Amino acid sequence: PRRASVAEITENVLDRLSVYRRGESRVIAISFTSTD
């Protein structure tokens, strides 16, 4: 396999990232999914 580009690694990270606002508050939740 060829060497992965920065864009590919970035895309893989973003695929495991979820960001959303908590209700009507000022709080933003940042969650990550991983096999570990």
All heavy atoms as atom14 arrays in JSON, in Angstrom:
{
  "sequence": "PRRASVAEITENVLDRLSVYRRGESRVIAISFTSTD",
  "atom14_mask": [
    [1, 1, 1, 1, 1, 1, 1, 0, 0, 0, 0, 0, 0, 0],
    [1, 1, 1, 1, 1, 1, 1, 1, 1, 1, 1, 0, 0, 0],
    [1, 1, 1, 1, 1, 1, 1, 1, 1, 1, 1, 0, 0, 0],
    [1, 1, 1, 1, 1, 0, 0, 0, 0, 0, 0, 0, 0, 0],
    [1, 1, 1, 1, 1, 1, 0, 0, 0, 0, 0, 0, 0, 0],
    [1, 1, 1, 1, 1, 1, 1, 0, 0, 0, 0, 0, 0, 0],
    [1, 1, 1, 1, 1, 0, 0, 0, 0, 0, 0, 0, 0, 0],
    [1, 1, 1, 1, 1, 1, 1, 1, 1, 0, 0, 0, 0, 0],
    [1, 1, 1, 1, 1, 1, 1, 1, 0, 0, 0, 0, 0, 0],
    [1, 1, 1, 1, 1, 1, 1, 0, 0, 0, 0, 0, 0, 0],
    [1, 1, 1, 1, 1, 1, 1, 1, 1, 0, 0, 0, 0, 0],
    [1, 1, 1, 1, 1, 1, 1, 1, 0, 0, 0, 0, 0, 0],
    [1, 1, 1, 1, 1, 1, 1, 0, 0, 0, 0, 0, 0, 0],
    [1, 1, 1, 1, 1, 1, 1, 1, 0, 0, 0, 0, 0, 0],
    [1, 1, 1, 1, 1, 1, 1, 1, 0, 0, 0, 0, 0, 0],
    [1, 1, 1, 1, 1, 1, 1, 1, 1, 1, 1, 0, 0, 0],
    [1, 1, 1, 1, 1, 1, 1, 1, 0, 0, 0, 0, 0, 0],
    [1, 1, 1, 1, 1, 1, 0, 0, 0, 0, 0, 0, 0, 0],
    [1, 1, 1, 1, 1, 1, 1, 0, 0, 0, 0, 0, 0, 0],
    [1, 1, 1, 1, 1, 1, 1, 1, 1, 1, 1, 1, 0, 0],
    [1, 1, 1, 1, 1, 1, 1, 1, 1, 1, 1, 0, 0, 0],
    [1, 1, 1, 1, 1, 1, 1, 1, 1, 1, 1, 0, 0, 0],
    [1, 1, 1, 1, 0, 0, 0, 0, 0, 0, 0, 0, 0, 0],
    [1, 1, 1, 1, 1, 1, 1, 1, 1, 0, 0, 0, 0, 0],
    [1, 1, 1, 1, 1, 1, 0, 0, 0, 0, 0, 0, 0, 0],
    [1, 1, 1, 1, 1, 1, 1, 1, 1, 1, 1, 0, 0, 0],
    [1, 1, 1, 1, 1, 1, 1, 0, 0, 0, 0, 0, 0, 0],
    [1, 1, 1, 1, 1, 1, 1, 1, 0, 0, 0, 0, 0, 0],
    [1, 1, 1, 1, 1, 0, 0, 0, 0, 0, 0, 0, 0, 0],
    [1, 1, 1, 1, 1, 1, 1, 1, 0, 0, 0, 0, 0, 0],
    [1, 1, 1, 1, 1, 1, 0, 0, 0, 0, 0, 0, 0, 0],
    [1, 1, 1, 1, 1, 1, 1, 1, 1, 1, 1, 0, 0, 0],
    [1, 1, 1, 1, 1, 1, 1, 0, 0, 0, 0, 0, 0, 0],
    [1, 1, 1, 1, 1, 1, 0, 0, 0, 0, 0, 0, 0, 0],
    [1, 1, 1, 1, 1, 1, 1, 0, 0, 0, 0, 0, 0, 0],
    [1, 1, 1, 1, 1, 1, 1, 1, 0, 0, 0, 0, 0, 0]
  ],
  "atom14_positions": [
    [[0.83, -1.21, 0.0], [0.0, 0.0, 0.0], [0.87, 1.25, 0.0], [1.91, 1.32, 0.64], [-0.8, -0.13, 1.31], [-0.01, -1.08, 2.16], [0.66, -2.02, 1.21], [0.0, 0.0, 0.0], [0.0, 0.0, 0.0], [0.0, 0.0, 0.0], [0.0, 0.0, 0.0], [0.0, 0.0, 0.0], [0.0, 0.0, 0.0], [0.0, 0.0, 0.0]],
    [[0.39, 2.24, -0.76], [1.15, 3.48, -0.85], [1.02, 4.27, 0.45], [0.15, 4.0, 1.28], [0.63, 4.32, -2.0], [-0.84, 4.67, -1.88], [-1.31, 5.49, -3.05], [-2.73, 5.78, -2.95], [-3.24, 6.77, -2.22], [-2.42, 7.55, -1.51], [-4.53, 6.98, -2.16], [0.0, 0.0, 0.0], [0.0, 0.0, 0.0], [0.0, 0.0, 0.0]],
    [[1.87, 5.24, 0.58], [1.85, 6.08, 1.78], [0.6, 6.95, 1.81], [0.24, 7.58, 0.81], [3.1, 6.97, 1.81], [3.23, 7.82, 3.06], [4.52, 8.61, 3.03], [4.67, 9.43, 4.22], [5.71, 10.23, 4.44], [6.7, 10.29, 3.53], [5.77, 10.95, 5.54], [0.0, 0.0, 0.0], [0.0, 0.0, 0.0], [0.0, 0.0, 0.0]],
    [[-0.07, 6.97, 2.93], [-1.32, 7.73, 3.04], [-1.02, 9.21, 3.08], [-0.02, 9.66, 3.66], [-2.08, 7.31, 4.29], [0.0, 0.0, 0.0], [0.0, 0.0, 0.0], [0.0, 0.0, 0.0], [0.0, 0.0, 0.0], [0.0, 0.0, 0.0], [0.0, 0.0, 0.0], [0.0, 0.0, 0.0], [0.0, 0.0, 0.0], [0.0, 0.0, 0.0]],
    [[-1.87, 9.98, 2.46], [-1.72, 11.43, 2.45], [-2.31, 12.03, 3.72], [-3.07, 11.38, 4.45], [-2.41, 12.03, 1.22], [-3.81, 11.8, 1.28], [0.0, 0.0, 0.0], [0.0, 0.0, 0.0], [0.0, 0.0, 0.0], [0.0, 0.0, 0.0], [0.0, 0.0, 0.0], [0.0, 0.0, 0.0], [0.0, 0.0, 0.0], [0.0, 0.0, 0.0]],
    [[-1.97, 13.29, 3.96], [-2.51, 13.99, 5.12], [-4.04, 14.11, 5.01], [-4.76, 14.0, 6.0], [-1.87, 15.38, 5.25], [-2.49, 16.16, 6.41], [-0.36, 15.27, 5.44], [0.0, 0.0, 0.0], [0.0, 0.0, 0.0], [0.0, 0.0, 0.0], [0.0, 0.0, 0.0], [0.0, 0.0, 0.0], [0.0, 0.0, 0.0], [0.0, 0.0, 0.0]],
    [[-4.51, 14.32, 3.78], [-5.96, 14.45, 3.57], [-6.69, 13.15, 3.93], [-7.78, 13.19, 4.5], [-6.24, 14.82, 2.12], [0.0, 0.0, 0.0], [0.0, 0.0, 0.0], [0.0, 0.0, 0.0], [0.0, 0.0, 0.0], [0.0, 0.0, 0.0], [0.0, 0.0, 0.0], [0.0, 0.0, 0.0], [0.0, 0.0, 0.0], [0.0, 0.0, 0.0]],
    [[-6.1, 11.99, 3.61], [-6.73, 10.71, 3.92], [-6.8, 10.49, 5.43], [-7.81, 10.03, 5.96], [-5.96, 9.57, 3.26], [-6.12, 9.52, 1.75], [-5.28, 8.43, 1.12], [-4.11, 8.25, 1.55], [-5.78, 7.75, 0.22], [0.0, 0.0, 0.0], [0.0, 0.0, 0.0], [0.0, 0.0, 0.0], [0.0, 0.0, 0.0], [0.0, 0.0, 0.0]],
    [[-5.71, 10.81, 6.12], [-5.69, 10.65, 7.58], [-6.69, 11.61, 8.22], [-7.42, 11.23, 9.15], [-4.27, 10.88, 8.12], [-3.32, 9.82, 7.56], [-4.26, 10.85, 9.64], [-1.87, 10.02, 7.96], [0.0, 0.0, 0.0], [0.0, 0.0, 0.0], [0.0, 0.0, 0.0], [0.0, 0.0, 0.0], [0.0, 0.0, 0.0], [0.0, 0.0, 0.0]],
    [[-6.73, 12.83, 7.72], [-7.68, 13.82, 8.24], [-9.11, 13.35, 8.05], [-9.96, 13.47, 8.95], [-7.48, 15.17, 7.54], [-6.14, 15.64, 7.78], [-8.47, 16.21, 8.07], [0.0, 0.0, 0.0], [0.0, 0.0, 0.0], [0.0, 0.0, 0.0], [0.0, 0.0, 0.0], [0.0, 0.0, 0.0], [0.0, 0.0, 0.0], [0.0, 0.0, 0.0]],
    [[-9.4, 12.78, 6.88], [-10.74, 12.28, 6.6], [-11.11, 11.13, 7.54], [-12.26, 11.05, 8.01], [-10.83, 11.83, 5.15], [-12.22, 11.48, 4.69], [-13.16, 12.67, 4.67], [-12.67, 13.8, 4.55], [-14.38, 12.45, 4.8], [0.0, 0.0, 0.0], [0.0, 0.0, 0.0], [0.0, 0.0, 0.0], [0.0, 0.0, 0.0], [0.0, 0.0, 0.0]],
    [[-10.16, 10.26, 7.83], [-10.43, 9.15, 8.74], [-10.71, 9.65, 10.16], [-11.52, 9.07, 10.88], [-9.25, 8.18, 8.75], [-9.17, 7.35, 7.49], [-10.19, 7.09, 6.85], [-7.98, 6.93, 7.11], [0.0, 0.0, 0.0], [0.0, 0.0, 0.0], [0.0, 0.0, 0.0], [0.0, 0.0, 0.0], [0.0, 0.0, 0.0], [0.0, 0.0, 0.0]],
    [[-10.03, 10.71, 10.55], [-10.28, 11.29, 11.87], [-11.67, 11.92, 11.92], [-12.43, 11.73, 12.88], [-9.19, 12.33, 12.22], [-9.54, 13.04, 13.54], [-7.83, 11.67, 12.34], [0.0, 0.0, 0.0], [0.0, 0.0, 0.0], [0.0, 0.0, 0.0], [0.0, 0.0, 0.0], [0.0, 0.0, 0.0], [0.0, 0.0, 0.0], [0.0, 0.0, 0.0]],
    [[-12.01, 12.67, 10.87], [-13.32, 13.33, 10.84], [-14.46, 12.32, 10.8], [-15.55, 12.6, 11.31], [-13.39, 14.27, 9.63], [-12.5, 15.51, 9.69], [-12.62, 16.3, 8.4], [-12.85, 16.38, 10.89], [0.0, 0.0, 0.0], [0.0, 0.0, 0.0], [0.0, 0.0, 0.0], [0.0, 0.0, 0.0], [0.0, 0.0, 0.0], [0.0, 0.0, 0.0]],
    [[-14.22, 11.15, 10.2], [-15.25, 10.12, 10.16], [-15.6, 9.61, 11.55], [-16.7, 9.09, 11.76], [-14.79, 8.94, 9.29], [-14.8, 9.29, 7.81], [-15.45, 10.28, 7.44], [-14.13, 8.58, 7.04], [0.0, 0.0, 0.0], [0.0, 0.0, 0.0], [0.0, 0.0, 0.0], [0.0, 0.0, 0.0], [0.0, 0.0, 0.0], [0.0, 0.0, 0.0]],
    [[-14.68, 9.75, 12.48], [-14.89, 9.26, 13.85], [-15.25, 10.38, 14.82], [-15.35, 10.15, 16.02], [-13.64, 8.52, 14.32], [-13.38, 7.22, 13.57], [-11.94, 6.77, 13.7], [-11.73, 5.46, 13.08], [-11.61, 5.26, 11.78], [-11.69, 6.27, 10.95], [-11.42, 4.04, 11.29], [0.0, 0.0, 0.0], [0.0, 0.0, 0.0], [0.0, 0.0, 0.0]],
    [[-15.41, 11.59, 14.28], [-15.7, 12.76, 15.11], [-17.18, 13.14, 14.99], [-17.76, 13.11, 13.91], [-14.83, 13.94, 14.66], [-15.19, 15.32, 15.21], [-14.94, 15.38, 16.72], [-14.39, 16.4, 14.5], [0.0, 0.0, 0.0], [0.0, 0.0, 0.0], [0.0, 0.0, 0.0], [0.0, 0.0, 0.0], [0.0, 0.0, 0.0], [0.0, 0.0, 0.0]],
    [[-17.76, 13.51, 16.12], [-19.13, 14.02, 16.14], [-19.17, 15.25, 17.05], [-18.7, 15.2, 18.2], [-20.1, 12.94, 16.65], [-21.41, 13.45, 16.74], [0.0, 0.0, 0.0], [0.0, 0.0, 0.0], [0.0, 0.0, 0.0], [0.0, 0.0, 0.0], [0.0, 0.0, 0.0], [0.0, 0.0, 0.0], [0.0, 0.0, 0.0], [0.0, 0.0, 0.0]],
    [[-19.71, 16.33, 16.53], [-19.8, 17.59, 17.28], [-21.24, 18.11, 17.2], [-21.8, 18.19, 16.1], [-18.83, 18.65, 16.72], [-18.94, 19.95, 17.52], [-17.39, 18.13, 16.74], [0.0, 0.0, 0.0], [0.0, 0.0, 0.0], [0.0, 0.0, 0.0], [0.0, 0.0, 0.0], [0.0, 0.0, 0.0], [0.0, 0.0, 0.0], [0.0, 0.0, 0.0]],
    [[-21.81, 18.44, 18.33], [-23.18, 18.95, 18.32], [-23.41, 19.81, 19.56], [-22.71, 19.71, 20.57], [-24.19, 17.8, 18.29], [-24.09, 16.84, 19.44], [-24.87, 16.99, 20.58], [-23.18, 15.77, 19.42], [-24.77, 16.12, 21.65], [-23.08, 14.89, 20.48], [-23.88, 15.07, 21.58], [-23.76, 14.21, 22.64], [0.0, 0.0, 0.0], [0.0, 0.0, 0.0]],
    [[-24.41, 20.65, 19.47], [-24.78, 21.53, 20.57], [-25.69, 20.79, 21.53], [-26.61, 20.06, 21.12], [-25.48, 22.78, 20.04], [-25.87, 23.78, 21.11], [-26.64, 24.93, 20.5], [-27.01, 25.93, 21.5], [-27.8, 26.98, 21.26], [-28.29, 27.15, 20.03], [-28.09, 27.83, 22.22], [0.0, 0.0, 0.0], [0.0, 0.0, 0.0], [0.0, 0.0, 0.0]],
    [[-25.48, 20.99, 22.82], [-26.29, 20.36, 23.85], [-27.56, 21.19, 24.09], [-27.56, 22.19, 24.81], [-25.5, 20.27, 25.15], [-24.54, 19.1, 25.22], [-25.29, 17.83, 25.47], [-24.41, 16.71, 25.79], [-24.84, 15.51, 26.08], [-26.13, 15.26, 26.1], [-24.0, 14.53, 26.34], [0.0, 0.0, 0.0], [0.0, 0.0, 0.0], [0.0, 0.0, 0.0]],
    [[-28.64, 20.75, 23.46], [-29.9, 21.45, 23.65], [-29.82, 22.91, 23.26], [-29.31, 23.26, 22.2], [0.0, 0.0, 0.0], [0.0, 0.0, 0.0], [0.0, 0.0, 0.0], [0.0, 0.0, 0.0], [0.0, 0.0, 0.0], [0.0, 0.0, 0.0], [0.0, 0.0, 0.0], [0.0, 0.0, 0.0], [0.0, 0.0, 0.0], [0.0, 0.0, 0.0]],
    [[-30.33, 23.78, 24.13], [-30.3, 25.22, 23.91], [-29.2, 25.9, 24.71], [-29.19, 27.13, 24.84], [-31.67, 25.83, 24.28], [-32.83, 25.28, 23.49], [-32.7, 25.57, 22.0], [-32.18, 26.65, 21.66], [-33.13, 24.73, 21.19], [0.0, 0.0, 0.0], [0.0, 0.0, 0.0], [0.0, 0.0, 0.0], [0.0, 0.0, 0.0], [0.0, 0.0, 0.0]],
    [[-28.3, 25.11, 25.25], [-27.24, 25.67, 26.1], [-26.07, 26.18, 25.27], [-26.06, 26.09, 24.04], [-26.75, 24.61, 27.09], [-26.1, 23.56, 26.38], [0.0, 0.0, 0.0], [0.0, 0.0, 0.0], [0.0, 0.0, 0.0], [0.0, 0.0, 0.0], [0.0, 0.0, 0.0], [0.0, 0.0, 0.0], [0.0, 0.0, 0.0], [0.0, 0.0, 0.0]],
    [[-25.07, 26.69, 25.97], [-23.84, 27.13, 25.33], [-22.82, 26.0, 25.21], [-21.7, 26.22, 24.77], [-23.2, 28.27, 26.14], [-24.04, 29.52, 26.3], [-23.3, 30.5, 27.22], [-24.07, 31.69, 27.44], [-24.03, 32.77, 26.65], [-23.25, 32.74, 25.59], [-24.76, 33.82, 26.92], [0.0, 0.0, 0.0], [0.0, 0.0, 0.0], [0.0, 0.0, 0.0]],
    [[-23.21, 24.82, 25.6], [-22.29, 23.68, 25.65], [-22.25, 22.96, 24.32], [-23.29, 22.67, 23.72], [-22.67, 22.71, 26.77], [-21.76, 21.49, 26.78], [-22.63, 23.42, 28.12], [0.0, 0.0, 0.0], [0.0, 0.0, 0.0], [0.0, 0.0, 0.0], [0.0, 0.0, 0.0], [0.0, 0.0, 0.0], [0.0, 0.0, 0.0], [0.0, 0.0, 0.0]],
    [[-21.03, 22.68, 23.85], [-20.81, 21.89, 22.64], [-20.17, 20.58, 23.05], [-19.17, 20.56, 23.78], [-19.91, 22.64, 21.64], [-20.66, 23.87, 21.1], [-19.52, 21.73, 20.48], [-19.84, 24.66, 20.1], [0.0, 0.0, 0.0], [0.0, 0.0, 0.0], [0.0, 0.0, 0.0], [0.0, 0.0, 0.0], [0.0, 0.0, 0.0], [0.0, 0.0, 0.0]],
    [[-20.75, 19.49, 22.59], [-20.22, 18.15, 22.88], [-19.3, 17.7, 21.75], [-19.64, 17.84, 20.57], [-21.35, 17.16, 23.07], [0.0, 0.0, 0.0], [0.0, 0.0, 0.0], [0.0, 0.0, 0.0], [0.0, 0.0, 0.0], [0.0, 0.0, 0.0], [0.0, 0.0, 0.0], [0.0, 0.0, 0.0], [0.0, 0.0, 0.0], [0.0, 0.0, 0.0]],
    [[-18.15, 17.17, 22.13], [-17.17, 16.64, 21.17], [-16.99, 15.16, 21.49], [-16.51, 14.81, 22.57], [-15.82, 17.37, 21.28], [-16.01, 18.86, 21.04], [-14.81, 16.79, 20.3], [-14.75, 19.69, 21.3], [0.0, 0.0, 0.0], [0.0, 0.0, 0.0], [0.0, 0.0, 0.0], [0.0, 0.0, 0.0], [0.0, 0.0, 0.0], [0.0, 0.0, 0.0]],
    [[-17.36, 14.3, 20.58], [-17.24, 12.86, 20.83], [-16.45, 12.2, 19.72], [-16.52, 12.61, 18.55], [-18.62, 12.21, 20.95], [-19.32, 12.29, 19.72], [0.0, 0.0, 0.0], [0.0, 0.0, 0.0], [0.0, 0.0, 0.0], [0.0, 0.0, 0.0], [0.0, 0.0, 0.0], [0.0, 0.0, 0.0], [0.0, 0.0, 0.0], [0.0, 0.0, 0.0]],
    [[-15.7, 11.16, 20.1], [-14.91, 10.38, 19.16], [-15.26, 8.91, 19.33], [-15.5, 8.44, 20.44], [-13.41, 10.58, 19.38], [-12.82, 11.69, 18.56], [-12.66, 12.95, 19.09], [-12.41, 11.46, 17.25], [-12.12, 13.98, 18.34], [-11.87, 12.47, 16.49], [-11.72, 13.74, 17.03], [0.0, 0.0, 0.0], [0.0, 0.0, 0.0], [0.0, 0.0, 0.0]],
    [[-15.26, 8.2, 18.21], [-15.47, 6.75, 18.2], [-14.17, 6.07, 17.83], [-13.48, 6.48, 16.89], [-16.55, 6.37, 17.18], [-17.76, 7.04, 17.5], [-16.79, 4.86, 17.19], [0.0, 0.0, 0.0], [0.0, 0.0, 0.0], [0.0, 0.0, 0.0], [0.0, 0.0, 0.0], [0.0, 0.0, 0.0], [0.0, 0.0, 0.0], [0.0, 0.0, 0.0]],
    [[-13.82, 5.02, 18.57], [-12.57, 4.3, 18.31], [-12.73, 2.85, 18.72], [-13.63, 2.49, 19.49], [-11.4, 4.94, 19.08], [-10.2, 4.2, 18.92], [0.0, 0.0, 0.0], [0.0, 0.0, 0.0], [0.0, 0.0, 0.0], [0.0, 0.0, 0.0], [0.0, 0.0, 0.0], [0.0, 0.0, 0.0], [0.0, 0.0, 0.0], [0.0, 0.0, 0.0]],
    [[-11.84, 2.02, 18.2], [-11.83, 0.61, 18.59], [-11.15, 0.4, 19.94], [-11.13, -0.71, 20.45], [-11.12, -0.23, 17.52], [-9.79, 0.3, 17.31], [-11.87, -0.19, 16.21], [0.0, 0.0, 0.0], [0.0, 0.0, 0.0], [0.0, 0.0, 0.0], [0.0, 0.0, 0.0], [0.0, 0.0, 0.0], [0.0, 0.0, 0.0], [0.0, 0.0, 0.0]],
    [[-10.6, 1.46, 20.5], [-9.94, 1.39, 21.8], [-10.58, 2.43, 22.72], [-10.68, 3.61, 22.36], [-8.44, 1.66, 21.66], [-7.7, 1.52, 22.98], [-7.58, 2.52, 23.7], [-7.24, 0.41, 23.28], [0.0, 0.0, 0.0], [0.0, 0.0, 0.0], [0.0, 0.0, 0.0], [0.0, 0.0, 0.0], [0.0, 0.0, 0.0], [0.0, 0.0, 0.0]]
  ]
}
